[in-house]
N, C-alpha and C. Protein backbone atom coordinates (compact mmCIF):
# COMPACT_ATOMS: atom_id res chain seq x y z
N MET A 1 4.08 -89.14 1.19
CA MET A 1 4.77 -88.62 0.02
C MET A 1 6.27 -88.68 0.30
N GLU A 2 6.94 -89.61 -0.31
CA GLU A 2 8.38 -89.82 -0.10
C GLU A 2 9.15 -89.00 -1.11
N ASN A 3 10.12 -88.30 -0.63
CA ASN A 3 10.93 -87.46 -1.51
C ASN A 3 12.35 -87.48 -0.99
N ASN A 4 13.27 -87.85 -1.81
CA ASN A 4 14.66 -87.91 -1.38
C ASN A 4 15.49 -86.74 -1.89
N SER A 5 14.85 -85.75 -2.51
CA SER A 5 15.61 -84.61 -3.02
C SER A 5 16.01 -83.70 -1.87
N SER A 6 17.16 -83.07 -2.00
CA SER A 6 17.66 -82.17 -0.96
C SER A 6 17.14 -80.77 -1.19
N ASN A 7 17.05 -80.00 -0.13
CA ASN A 7 16.70 -78.59 -0.23
C ASN A 7 17.88 -77.77 0.25
N LEU A 8 17.65 -76.51 0.51
CA LEU A 8 18.73 -75.64 0.95
C LEU A 8 19.41 -76.12 2.23
N TYR A 9 18.65 -76.80 3.07
CA TYR A 9 19.17 -77.21 4.36
C TYR A 9 19.75 -78.62 4.33
N GLY A 10 19.79 -79.28 3.15
CA GLY A 10 20.32 -80.62 3.03
C GLY A 10 19.39 -81.68 3.57
N GLU A 11 18.10 -81.32 3.76
CA GLU A 11 17.12 -82.27 4.25
C GLU A 11 16.16 -82.61 3.12
N ASN A 12 15.51 -83.77 3.18
CA ASN A 12 14.53 -84.05 2.14
C ASN A 12 13.19 -83.43 2.51
N SER A 13 12.29 -83.31 1.53
CA SER A 13 11.03 -82.60 1.73
C SER A 13 10.16 -83.26 2.77
N SER A 14 10.17 -84.59 2.85
CA SER A 14 9.32 -85.24 3.84
C SER A 14 9.75 -84.87 5.26
N GLU A 15 11.06 -84.69 5.49
CA GLU A 15 11.53 -84.25 6.80
C GLU A 15 11.06 -82.83 7.09
N ILE A 16 11.06 -81.97 6.06
CA ILE A 16 10.59 -80.59 6.23
C ILE A 16 9.10 -80.60 6.57
N ILE A 17 8.31 -81.41 5.85
CA ILE A 17 6.88 -81.46 6.10
C ILE A 17 6.62 -81.85 7.55
N SER A 18 7.33 -82.83 8.05
CA SER A 18 7.11 -83.25 9.44
C SER A 18 7.46 -82.12 10.39
N LYS A 19 8.47 -81.34 10.09
CA LYS A 19 8.82 -80.22 10.94
C LYS A 19 7.75 -79.13 10.88
N ILE A 20 7.20 -78.88 9.70
CA ILE A 20 6.17 -77.84 9.54
C ILE A 20 4.94 -78.19 10.35
N VAL A 21 4.54 -79.43 10.32
CA VAL A 21 3.34 -79.86 11.03
C VAL A 21 3.49 -79.57 12.52
N GLN A 22 4.67 -79.65 13.03
CA GLN A 22 4.91 -79.45 14.45
C GLN A 22 4.93 -77.96 14.84
N LYS A 23 4.99 -77.07 13.87
CA LYS A 23 5.07 -75.64 14.15
C LYS A 23 3.67 -75.11 14.50
N PRO A 24 3.61 -73.99 15.23
CA PRO A 24 2.30 -73.41 15.55
C PRO A 24 1.56 -73.02 14.29
N ARG A 25 0.25 -73.10 14.34
CA ARG A 25 -0.57 -72.79 13.16
C ARG A 25 -0.52 -71.31 12.79
N SER A 26 -0.19 -70.45 13.72
CA SER A 26 -0.16 -69.02 13.43
C SER A 26 0.97 -68.65 12.47
N LYS A 27 1.98 -69.49 12.39
CA LYS A 27 3.10 -69.22 11.49
C LYS A 27 2.69 -69.58 10.07
N LYS A 28 3.03 -68.77 9.10
CA LYS A 28 2.69 -69.03 7.71
C LYS A 28 3.94 -69.38 6.93
N TYR A 29 3.77 -70.25 5.95
CA TYR A 29 4.90 -70.72 5.16
C TYR A 29 4.60 -70.60 3.68
N LEU A 30 5.61 -70.33 2.92
CA LEU A 30 5.55 -70.37 1.47
C LEU A 30 5.96 -71.78 1.06
N THR A 31 5.11 -72.45 0.29
CA THR A 31 5.40 -73.80 -0.16
C THR A 31 5.92 -73.74 -1.59
N ILE A 32 7.06 -74.33 -1.83
CA ILE A 32 7.64 -74.38 -3.16
C ILE A 32 7.25 -75.73 -3.77
N VAL A 33 6.48 -75.70 -4.85
CA VAL A 33 5.97 -76.91 -5.48
C VAL A 33 6.44 -76.95 -6.93
N ASP A 34 6.87 -78.13 -7.38
CA ASP A 34 7.23 -78.34 -8.78
C ASP A 34 5.95 -78.32 -9.60
N ASP A 35 5.84 -77.40 -10.57
CA ASP A 35 4.63 -77.27 -11.38
C ASP A 35 4.33 -78.52 -12.20
N ASP A 36 5.34 -79.21 -12.65
CA ASP A 36 5.13 -80.38 -13.50
C ASP A 36 4.70 -81.61 -12.71
N THR A 37 5.35 -81.84 -11.58
CA THR A 37 5.09 -83.08 -10.84
C THR A 37 4.20 -82.87 -9.62
N GLY A 38 4.04 -81.64 -9.17
CA GLY A 38 3.28 -81.39 -7.95
C GLY A 38 4.07 -81.71 -6.69
N GLU A 39 5.31 -82.03 -6.86
CA GLU A 39 6.18 -82.42 -5.75
C GLU A 39 6.54 -81.18 -4.91
N VAL A 40 6.44 -81.32 -3.60
CA VAL A 40 6.82 -80.25 -2.69
C VAL A 40 8.33 -80.19 -2.63
N LYS A 41 8.88 -79.03 -2.98
CA LYS A 41 10.33 -78.86 -3.00
C LYS A 41 10.86 -78.25 -1.71
N GLY A 42 10.03 -77.53 -1.01
CA GLY A 42 10.49 -76.92 0.23
C GLY A 42 9.48 -75.97 0.82
N PHE A 43 9.73 -75.55 2.04
CA PHE A 43 8.91 -74.61 2.76
C PHE A 43 9.80 -73.51 3.31
N PHE A 44 9.33 -72.28 3.26
CA PHE A 44 10.07 -71.16 3.80
C PHE A 44 9.12 -70.33 4.67
N PRO A 45 9.52 -70.01 5.89
CA PRO A 45 8.64 -69.19 6.74
C PRO A 45 8.48 -67.80 6.14
N LEU A 46 7.24 -67.33 6.14
CA LEU A 46 6.96 -65.97 5.66
C LEU A 46 7.18 -64.99 6.80
N LYS A 47 7.75 -63.86 6.46
CA LYS A 47 7.89 -62.79 7.44
C LYS A 47 6.55 -62.10 7.57
N SER A 48 6.23 -61.70 8.76
CA SER A 48 4.99 -60.99 9.00
C SER A 48 5.06 -59.61 8.38
N LYS A 49 3.97 -59.19 7.75
CA LYS A 49 3.92 -57.83 7.20
C LYS A 49 3.61 -56.81 8.28
N ASN A 50 3.09 -57.27 9.41
CA ASN A 50 2.76 -56.37 10.50
C ASN A 50 4.02 -56.07 11.29
N LEU A 51 4.56 -54.92 11.11
CA LEU A 51 5.77 -54.52 11.81
C LEU A 51 5.47 -53.94 13.18
N GLY A 52 4.18 -53.85 13.51
CA GLY A 52 3.80 -53.28 14.79
C GLY A 52 3.86 -51.76 14.74
N ILE A 53 3.81 -51.17 15.91
CA ILE A 53 3.87 -49.71 15.97
C ILE A 53 5.32 -49.27 15.93
N GLY A 54 5.52 -48.02 15.64
CA GLY A 54 6.87 -47.48 15.69
C GLY A 54 7.68 -47.68 14.43
N TRP A 55 7.08 -47.69 13.30
CA TRP A 55 7.81 -47.88 12.05
C TRP A 55 7.24 -46.98 10.96
N PHE A 56 8.03 -46.70 9.96
CA PHE A 56 7.58 -46.12 8.70
C PHE A 56 8.62 -46.50 7.66
N ALA A 57 8.22 -46.45 6.40
CA ALA A 57 9.15 -46.75 5.31
C ALA A 57 9.53 -45.43 4.66
N MET A 58 10.83 -45.19 4.54
CA MET A 58 11.31 -43.97 3.89
C MET A 58 12.02 -44.37 2.61
N TYR A 59 11.87 -43.55 1.60
CA TYR A 59 12.41 -43.84 0.29
C TYR A 59 13.72 -43.09 0.09
N GLN A 60 14.68 -43.75 -0.56
CA GLN A 60 16.03 -43.20 -0.66
C GLN A 60 16.13 -41.96 -1.54
N HIS A 61 15.50 -41.95 -2.70
CA HIS A 61 15.62 -40.79 -3.59
C HIS A 61 15.09 -39.52 -2.91
N PRO A 62 13.91 -39.56 -2.30
CA PRO A 62 13.45 -38.36 -1.59
C PRO A 62 14.35 -37.95 -0.43
N ALA A 63 14.99 -38.94 0.21
CA ALA A 63 15.92 -38.59 1.30
C ALA A 63 17.07 -37.77 0.75
N LYS A 64 17.56 -38.14 -0.43
CA LYS A 64 18.63 -37.38 -1.06
C LYS A 64 18.13 -35.98 -1.44
N TRP A 65 16.89 -35.91 -1.92
CA TRP A 65 16.29 -34.62 -2.29
C TRP A 65 16.20 -33.72 -1.05
N ILE A 66 15.75 -34.27 0.06
CA ILE A 66 15.63 -33.48 1.29
C ILE A 66 17.00 -32.98 1.72
N ALA A 67 18.01 -33.85 1.62
CA ALA A 67 19.37 -33.43 1.98
C ALA A 67 19.84 -32.27 1.10
N SER A 68 19.43 -32.26 -0.16
CA SER A 68 19.87 -31.20 -1.08
C SER A 68 19.16 -29.86 -0.85
N LEU A 69 18.11 -29.86 -0.03
CA LEU A 69 17.35 -28.63 0.22
C LEU A 69 18.07 -27.68 1.17
N HIS A 70 19.07 -28.18 1.87
CA HIS A 70 19.82 -27.38 2.85
C HIS A 70 18.88 -26.76 3.88
N LEU A 71 18.01 -27.61 4.44
CA LEU A 71 17.11 -27.15 5.49
C LEU A 71 17.94 -26.71 6.69
N THR A 72 17.38 -25.79 7.45
CA THR A 72 18.05 -25.36 8.68
C THR A 72 17.99 -26.50 9.69
N GLY A 73 18.79 -26.39 10.73
CA GLY A 73 18.75 -27.39 11.80
C GLY A 73 17.38 -27.50 12.43
N GLU A 74 16.74 -26.36 12.63
CA GLU A 74 15.39 -26.37 13.22
C GLU A 74 14.39 -27.07 12.30
N GLN A 75 14.50 -26.81 11.00
CA GLN A 75 13.59 -27.46 10.05
C GLN A 75 13.81 -28.97 10.05
N HIS A 76 15.07 -29.40 10.08
CA HIS A 76 15.37 -30.84 10.16
C HIS A 76 14.81 -31.44 11.45
N ASN A 77 15.03 -30.75 12.56
CA ASN A 77 14.54 -31.25 13.84
C ASN A 77 13.03 -31.42 13.83
N VAL A 78 12.33 -30.45 13.30
CA VAL A 78 10.87 -30.53 13.23
C VAL A 78 10.45 -31.67 12.30
N LEU A 79 11.11 -31.79 11.16
CA LEU A 79 10.77 -32.88 10.22
C LEU A 79 10.96 -34.24 10.88
N TRP A 80 12.09 -34.46 11.53
CA TRP A 80 12.33 -35.75 12.17
C TRP A 80 11.35 -35.99 13.32
N PHE A 81 11.01 -34.93 14.04
CA PHE A 81 10.00 -35.10 15.09
C PHE A 81 8.67 -35.52 14.48
N LEU A 82 8.28 -34.85 13.38
CA LEU A 82 7.02 -35.21 12.73
C LEU A 82 7.04 -36.67 12.27
N MET A 83 8.16 -37.09 11.70
CA MET A 83 8.25 -38.48 11.26
C MET A 83 8.12 -39.44 12.45
N SER A 84 8.62 -39.05 13.60
CA SER A 84 8.51 -39.91 14.78
C SER A 84 7.07 -40.00 15.27
N GLU A 85 6.24 -39.04 14.89
CA GLU A 85 4.84 -39.01 15.30
C GLU A 85 3.89 -39.50 14.20
N LEU A 86 4.44 -39.98 13.11
CA LEU A 86 3.64 -40.38 11.95
C LEU A 86 2.64 -41.46 12.32
N ASP A 87 1.40 -41.23 11.92
CA ASP A 87 0.33 -42.18 12.15
C ASP A 87 0.02 -42.87 10.83
N PHE A 88 -0.82 -43.88 10.86
CA PHE A 88 -1.15 -44.60 9.64
C PHE A 88 -1.73 -43.66 8.59
N ASP A 89 -1.45 -43.98 7.35
CA ASP A 89 -1.84 -43.19 6.18
C ASP A 89 -1.23 -41.79 6.21
N ASN A 90 -0.12 -41.67 6.92
CA ASN A 90 0.70 -40.46 6.94
C ASN A 90 0.08 -39.27 7.64
N TYR A 91 -0.89 -39.50 8.51
CA TYR A 91 -1.46 -38.40 9.27
C TYR A 91 -0.56 -38.01 10.42
N LEU A 92 -0.55 -36.74 10.72
CA LEU A 92 0.21 -36.19 11.84
C LEU A 92 -0.76 -35.39 12.70
N ARG A 93 -0.93 -35.83 13.92
CA ARG A 93 -1.81 -35.15 14.86
C ARG A 93 -0.97 -34.67 16.02
N VAL A 94 -0.39 -33.51 15.87
CA VAL A 94 0.49 -32.97 16.90
C VAL A 94 0.38 -31.45 16.87
N SER A 95 0.38 -30.86 18.05
CA SER A 95 0.25 -29.40 18.11
C SER A 95 1.64 -28.77 18.02
N LEU A 96 1.66 -27.53 17.55
CA LEU A 96 2.92 -26.79 17.48
C LEU A 96 3.51 -26.62 18.88
N ALA A 97 2.64 -26.45 19.87
CA ALA A 97 3.12 -26.29 21.25
C ALA A 97 3.82 -27.56 21.73
N GLU A 98 3.29 -28.72 21.36
CA GLU A 98 3.91 -29.99 21.75
C GLU A 98 5.28 -30.15 21.09
N ILE A 99 5.35 -29.77 19.81
CA ILE A 99 6.63 -29.85 19.10
C ILE A 99 7.64 -28.92 19.79
N ALA A 100 7.22 -27.70 20.05
CA ALA A 100 8.11 -26.71 20.66
C ALA A 100 8.59 -27.19 22.03
N GLU A 101 7.68 -27.72 22.82
CA GLU A 101 8.06 -28.19 24.16
C GLU A 101 9.03 -29.37 24.08
N THR A 102 8.72 -30.33 23.22
CA THR A 102 9.57 -31.52 23.10
C THR A 102 10.95 -31.18 22.59
N LEU A 103 11.01 -30.30 21.58
CA LEU A 103 12.30 -29.95 20.97
C LEU A 103 12.99 -28.78 21.65
N LYS A 104 12.32 -28.23 22.68
CA LYS A 104 12.86 -27.07 23.39
C LYS A 104 13.18 -25.93 22.42
N MET A 105 12.17 -25.64 21.60
CA MET A 105 12.28 -24.57 20.61
C MET A 105 11.23 -23.51 20.91
N GLN A 106 11.44 -22.33 20.40
CA GLN A 106 10.43 -21.28 20.50
C GLN A 106 9.28 -21.64 19.56
N PRO A 107 8.03 -21.43 19.98
CA PRO A 107 6.89 -21.74 19.11
C PRO A 107 6.95 -21.02 17.76
N THR A 108 7.49 -19.80 17.75
CA THR A 108 7.60 -19.08 16.47
C THR A 108 8.57 -19.79 15.53
N HIS A 109 9.62 -20.40 16.08
CA HIS A 109 10.59 -21.12 15.24
C HIS A 109 9.98 -22.41 14.69
N VAL A 110 9.14 -23.07 15.51
CA VAL A 110 8.43 -24.26 15.04
C VAL A 110 7.47 -23.88 13.92
N SER A 111 6.76 -22.79 14.14
CA SER A 111 5.80 -22.32 13.12
C SER A 111 6.52 -22.00 11.81
N ARG A 112 7.66 -21.35 11.90
CA ARG A 112 8.43 -21.00 10.71
C ARG A 112 8.94 -22.27 10.00
N ALA A 113 9.38 -23.25 10.77
CA ALA A 113 9.86 -24.51 10.19
C ALA A 113 8.71 -25.25 9.51
N MET A 114 7.55 -25.29 10.16
CA MET A 114 6.37 -25.94 9.57
C MET A 114 5.97 -25.25 8.27
N LYS A 115 6.03 -23.93 8.27
CA LYS A 115 5.69 -23.17 7.06
C LYS A 115 6.60 -23.57 5.91
N ARG A 116 7.90 -23.69 6.19
CA ARG A 116 8.86 -24.07 5.13
C ARG A 116 8.60 -25.49 4.64
N LEU A 117 8.31 -26.41 5.55
CA LEU A 117 8.02 -27.79 5.16
C LEU A 117 6.74 -27.86 4.31
N LYS A 118 5.78 -26.99 4.60
CA LYS A 118 4.56 -26.94 3.77
C LYS A 118 4.86 -26.34 2.40
N GLU A 119 5.68 -25.29 2.36
CA GLU A 119 6.05 -24.67 1.07
C GLU A 119 6.71 -25.69 0.13
N LEU A 120 7.48 -26.61 0.71
CA LEU A 120 8.19 -27.62 -0.07
C LEU A 120 7.34 -28.86 -0.35
N ASP A 121 6.11 -28.85 0.13
CA ASP A 121 5.18 -29.99 0.02
C ASP A 121 5.74 -31.25 0.68
N ILE A 122 6.56 -31.06 1.68
CA ILE A 122 7.00 -32.19 2.50
C ILE A 122 5.84 -32.60 3.40
N ILE A 123 5.10 -31.62 3.88
CA ILE A 123 3.86 -31.86 4.61
C ILE A 123 2.79 -30.97 4.00
N THR A 124 1.57 -31.31 4.25
CA THR A 124 0.46 -30.45 3.88
C THR A 124 -0.55 -30.49 5.01
N GLU A 125 -1.39 -29.45 5.09
CA GLU A 125 -2.40 -29.44 6.14
C GLU A 125 -3.47 -30.47 5.80
N GLY A 126 -3.85 -31.22 6.82
CA GLY A 126 -4.91 -32.21 6.68
C GLY A 126 -6.21 -31.66 7.23
N PRO A 127 -7.17 -32.53 7.42
CA PRO A 127 -8.46 -32.08 7.97
C PRO A 127 -8.30 -31.68 9.44
N PRO A 128 -9.10 -30.71 9.90
CA PRO A 128 -8.98 -30.30 11.30
C PRO A 128 -9.44 -31.42 12.24
N ALA A 129 -8.82 -31.48 13.40
CA ALA A 129 -9.21 -32.43 14.45
C ALA A 129 -9.54 -31.62 15.68
N GLY A 130 -10.79 -31.24 15.80
CA GLY A 130 -11.20 -30.36 16.89
C GLY A 130 -10.62 -28.98 16.67
N LYS A 131 -9.94 -28.46 17.68
CA LYS A 131 -9.37 -27.11 17.55
C LYS A 131 -7.94 -27.14 17.01
N PHE A 132 -7.41 -28.34 16.75
CA PHE A 132 -6.04 -28.47 16.25
C PHE A 132 -6.02 -28.77 14.76
N LYS A 133 -4.97 -28.29 14.12
CA LYS A 133 -4.73 -28.65 12.73
C LYS A 133 -4.11 -30.04 12.69
N THR A 134 -4.33 -30.74 11.60
CA THR A 134 -3.60 -31.97 11.38
C THR A 134 -2.77 -31.76 10.12
N TYR A 135 -1.80 -32.61 9.94
CA TYR A 135 -0.92 -32.52 8.79
C TYR A 135 -0.81 -33.90 8.18
N ARG A 136 -0.26 -33.92 6.99
CA ARG A 136 0.02 -35.19 6.34
C ARG A 136 1.40 -35.12 5.73
N LEU A 137 2.19 -36.15 5.98
CA LEU A 137 3.51 -36.24 5.38
C LEU A 137 3.36 -36.71 3.94
N ASN A 138 4.14 -36.12 3.06
CA ASN A 138 4.11 -36.48 1.65
C ASN A 138 4.47 -37.96 1.50
N PRO A 139 3.56 -38.79 0.95
CA PRO A 139 3.81 -40.23 0.84
C PRO A 139 4.86 -40.59 -0.20
N TYR A 140 5.30 -39.62 -0.98
CA TYR A 140 6.40 -39.88 -1.91
C TYR A 140 7.74 -39.87 -1.17
N ILE A 141 7.74 -39.36 0.06
CA ILE A 141 8.94 -39.30 0.89
C ILE A 141 9.03 -40.52 1.80
N ALA A 142 7.94 -40.77 2.50
CA ALA A 142 7.88 -41.88 3.45
C ALA A 142 6.43 -42.29 3.58
N HIS A 143 6.21 -43.48 4.14
CA HIS A 143 4.84 -43.95 4.30
C HIS A 143 4.72 -44.85 5.51
N LYS A 144 3.57 -44.74 6.15
CA LYS A 144 3.21 -45.64 7.22
C LYS A 144 1.77 -46.07 6.98
N GLY A 145 1.57 -47.33 6.85
CA GLY A 145 0.23 -47.86 6.64
C GLY A 145 0.24 -49.02 5.67
N THR A 146 -0.95 -49.45 5.30
CA THR A 146 -1.06 -50.64 4.46
C THR A 146 -1.35 -50.32 3.00
N ASN A 147 -1.79 -49.11 2.70
CA ASN A 147 -2.19 -48.81 1.34
C ASN A 147 -1.54 -47.51 0.88
N ARG A 148 -0.28 -47.59 0.47
CA ARG A 148 0.46 -46.41 0.04
C ARG A 148 -0.21 -45.74 -1.16
N GLU A 149 -0.72 -46.55 -2.08
CA GLU A 149 -1.32 -45.99 -3.29
C GLU A 149 -2.50 -45.09 -2.95
N ASN A 150 -3.35 -45.53 -2.02
CA ASN A 150 -4.49 -44.72 -1.62
C ASN A 150 -4.03 -43.44 -0.92
N THR A 151 -3.00 -43.55 -0.09
CA THR A 151 -2.46 -42.37 0.59
C THR A 151 -1.92 -41.37 -0.42
N ILE A 152 -1.27 -41.86 -1.47
CA ILE A 152 -0.75 -40.98 -2.53
C ILE A 152 -1.90 -40.28 -3.23
N ILE A 153 -2.95 -41.01 -3.57
CA ILE A 153 -4.11 -40.41 -4.25
C ILE A 153 -4.71 -39.32 -3.39
N GLU A 154 -4.90 -39.60 -2.09
CA GLU A 154 -5.48 -38.61 -1.19
C GLU A 154 -4.57 -37.40 -1.03
N PHE A 155 -3.27 -37.63 -0.92
CA PHE A 155 -2.32 -36.53 -0.78
C PHE A 155 -2.34 -35.65 -2.03
N ASP A 156 -2.29 -36.28 -3.21
CA ASP A 156 -2.32 -35.52 -4.46
C ASP A 156 -3.60 -34.70 -4.56
N ARG A 157 -4.71 -35.26 -4.12
CA ARG A 157 -5.99 -34.54 -4.15
C ARG A 157 -5.94 -33.33 -3.22
N MET A 158 -5.31 -33.48 -2.05
CA MET A 158 -5.19 -32.36 -1.12
C MET A 158 -4.35 -31.24 -1.74
N ILE A 159 -3.27 -31.61 -2.41
CA ILE A 159 -2.42 -30.61 -3.07
C ILE A 159 -3.19 -29.92 -4.19
N GLU A 160 -3.92 -30.69 -4.99
CA GLU A 160 -4.72 -30.11 -6.07
C GLU A 160 -5.76 -29.14 -5.51
N ASP A 161 -6.45 -29.54 -4.44
CA ASP A 161 -7.45 -28.67 -3.83
C ASP A 161 -6.81 -27.38 -3.32
N ARG A 162 -5.66 -27.51 -2.68
CA ARG A 162 -4.96 -26.32 -2.18
C ARG A 162 -4.55 -25.42 -3.33
N ASN A 163 -4.00 -25.99 -4.40
CA ASN A 163 -3.58 -25.19 -5.54
C ASN A 163 -4.77 -24.53 -6.23
N LYS A 164 -5.91 -25.22 -6.26
CA LYS A 164 -7.11 -24.64 -6.86
C LYS A 164 -7.56 -23.42 -6.05
N ILE A 165 -7.50 -23.53 -4.74
CA ILE A 165 -7.88 -22.39 -3.89
C ILE A 165 -6.95 -21.22 -4.15
N PHE A 166 -5.63 -21.48 -4.21
CA PHE A 166 -4.67 -20.41 -4.50
C PHE A 166 -4.92 -19.79 -5.88
N GLN A 167 -5.24 -20.62 -6.86
CA GLN A 167 -5.51 -20.13 -8.21
C GLN A 167 -6.78 -19.27 -8.22
N ASP A 168 -7.81 -19.71 -7.53
CA ASP A 168 -9.06 -18.95 -7.46
C ASP A 168 -8.82 -17.59 -6.82
N VAL A 169 -8.02 -17.55 -5.77
CA VAL A 169 -7.73 -16.29 -5.08
C VAL A 169 -6.93 -15.37 -6.00
N SER A 170 -5.93 -15.91 -6.71
CA SER A 170 -5.12 -15.06 -7.58
C SER A 170 -5.93 -14.60 -8.80
N ASP A 171 -6.87 -15.43 -9.28
CA ASP A 171 -7.73 -15.02 -10.39
C ASP A 171 -8.61 -13.84 -10.00
N LYS A 172 -9.08 -13.84 -8.74
CA LYS A 172 -9.92 -12.74 -8.26
C LYS A 172 -9.13 -11.45 -8.11
N ASP A 173 -7.82 -11.58 -7.79
CA ASP A 173 -6.98 -10.41 -7.63
C ASP A 173 -6.67 -9.73 -8.97
N LEU A 174 -6.75 -10.50 -10.06
CA LEU A 174 -6.42 -9.92 -11.37
C LEU A 174 -7.51 -9.06 -11.81
């Protein structure tokens, strides 16, 4: 397939094709094809979606909202520590004692900070893992994993279940 048209790099498509063939098969490329002629216009390497461990995506609007809450230094420290421990689908499996030891804080101060973060729905309690509580970071703030939509649905369901329990308790008190 002979093609003398230039691409972004000033090379013709046949030169690009020969270069692609020489690349390892594990690399993936986006092929730009002319819909009318079927002519290959160019190839662009795709970035891997797997960022590996040690990442999460945080959203800008919620970051501004968190800044406007005027959290205490301890609350910020605990929040950032929790984000550093974020597991896939926004689960947090960390004990209050571990947080206190790592941040060199009193356990009561960690507990108070966690309580405030839960009141603000920044985190919520997740399912128990043995004798420890688990938590979940609000996926509207940040996310780690492959299916943000599913994490949001599960998080919203946890909040609804919690609110229903609170409503049932307050209904009984009336």
